[in-house]
Protein backbone atom coordinates (compact mmCIF):
# COMPACT_ATOMS: atom_id res chain seq x y z
CA MET A 1 -0.17 0.08 0.05
CA LYS A 2 1.16 3.67 -1.03
CA PHE A 3 1.37 6.33 2.07
CA THR A 4 1.16 9.80 0.78
CA VAL A 5 1.71 13.23 2.62
CA GLU A 6 1.29 16.40 1.05
CA VAL A 7 3.24 19.12 1.48
CA ASN A 8 1.79 22.60 0.33
CA PHE A 9 2.76 26.11 0.35
CA ALA A 10 0.03 28.63 2.39
CA PRO A 11 0.56 32.30 1.95
CA PRO A 12 0.84 33.70 5.66
CA LYS A 13 -2.62 35.02 5.92
CA LYS A 14 -3.89 31.78 5.39
CA ILE A 15 -1.74 29.90 7.77
CA GLN A 16 -2.10 32.45 10.34
CA GLN A 17 -6.00 31.89 10.01
CA LEU A 18 -5.37 28.00 10.10
CA ASN A 19 -3.40 28.41 13.11
CA LYS A 20 -6.14 30.35 15.31
CA GLU A 21 -8.80 28.50 13.97
CA MET A 22 -7.16 25.14 14.66
CA ARG A 23 -4.71 25.89 17.36
CA GLY A 24 -6.08 28.96 19.12
CA LYS A 25 -2.86 30.69 17.90
CA ASP A 26 -2.98 33.89 16.31
CA TYR A 27 0.51 34.26 14.54
CA VAL A 28 2.01 33.24 11.30
CA PRO A 29 3.88 29.60 12.07
CA ALA A 30 6.39 28.59 9.46
CA VAL A 31 4.33 24.81 9.33
CA LEU A 32 1.59 23.31 10.31
CA SER A 33 0.30 19.78 9.69
CA PHE A 34 -2.91 18.15 9.56
CA ALA A 35 -3.52 14.35 9.85
CA TYR A 36 -6.16 12.91 7.60
CA TYR A 37 -5.81 9.37 7.14
CA GLU A 38 -7.77 9.09 4.29
CA PRO A 39 -8.15 6.08 1.84
CA ARG A 40 -7.54 6.56 -2.20
CA GLU A 41 -7.48 4.30 -4.69
CA ASP A 42 -3.98 4.71 -4.82
CA GLY A 43 -3.31 4.24 -0.97
CA MET A 44 -3.90 6.16 2.05
CA LEU A 45 -3.23 9.89 2.37
CA LEU A 46 -2.14 10.43 5.63
CA GLY A 47 -2.09 14.15 5.90
CA GLU A 48 -0.81 17.87 4.81
CA VAL A 49 1.79 19.55 5.60
CA LEU A 50 1.41 23.60 4.93
CA ILE A 51 4.68 25.67 5.05
CA CYS A 52 4.40 29.41 4.91
CA LYS A 53 7.52 30.34 2.42
CA SER A 54 8.18 33.85 4.12
CA GLU A 55 8.26 32.48 7.63
CA ALA A 56 10.75 29.60 6.17
CA GLN A 57 12.98 32.27 4.66
CA LYS A 58 13.25 34.00 7.88
CA LEU A 59 14.28 30.49 9.64
CA ALA A 60 16.69 30.04 7.14
CA LYS A 61 18.42 33.15 7.46
CA LYS A 62 18.35 32.55 11.19
CA ASN A 63 19.61 28.93 11.25
CA GLU A 64 22.53 29.97 8.27
CA VAL A 65 20.76 27.40 5.83
CA THR A 66 19.30 27.50 2.40
CA LEU A 67 15.80 28.12 1.87
CA GLU A 68 15.78 24.90 0.40
CA GLU A 69 17.36 23.28 3.16
CA GLN A 70 14.89 24.73 5.67
CA ILE A 71 11.73 23.69 3.57
CA ASN A 72 13.27 20.03 3.44
CA GLN A 73 13.42 20.45 7.46
CA LEU A 74 9.92 22.08 7.71
CA ALA A 75 8.39 19.52 5.59
CA ILE A 76 10.15 16.45 7.66
CA HIS A 77 9.08 18.12 10.82
CA GLY A 78 5.48 18.19 9.86
CA THR A 79 5.69 14.65 8.75
CA LYS A 80 6.62 13.44 11.79
CA HIS A 81 3.77 15.21 13.57
CA ILE A 82 1.48 13.55 11.41
CA LEU A 83 3.08 9.98 12.45
CA GLY A 84 2.90 10.90 16.04
CA ILE A 85 6.73 11.51 16.41
CA HIS A 86 7.09 14.92 18.43
CA GLU A 87 10.19 16.23 18.67
CA ASP A 88 9.47 19.53 20.78
């Protein structure tokens, strides 16, 4: 069986709105993740990771990594949350 996690980009206003609605926190996060566990014809959709590119850019600068590296780290972080692996 194929397992999928979607990784998408969201603009700051949208990700802030979702953060407020879903988590009760009113700020723009770099990443949010949502577990779905939806069966599909080609396997199972485990969830979705949303990344705010402008926040990822700020983190990349702070962490002294490229934007691509930071986005990869955020995608992995969000996927771990979907899988129930929490490191923070």
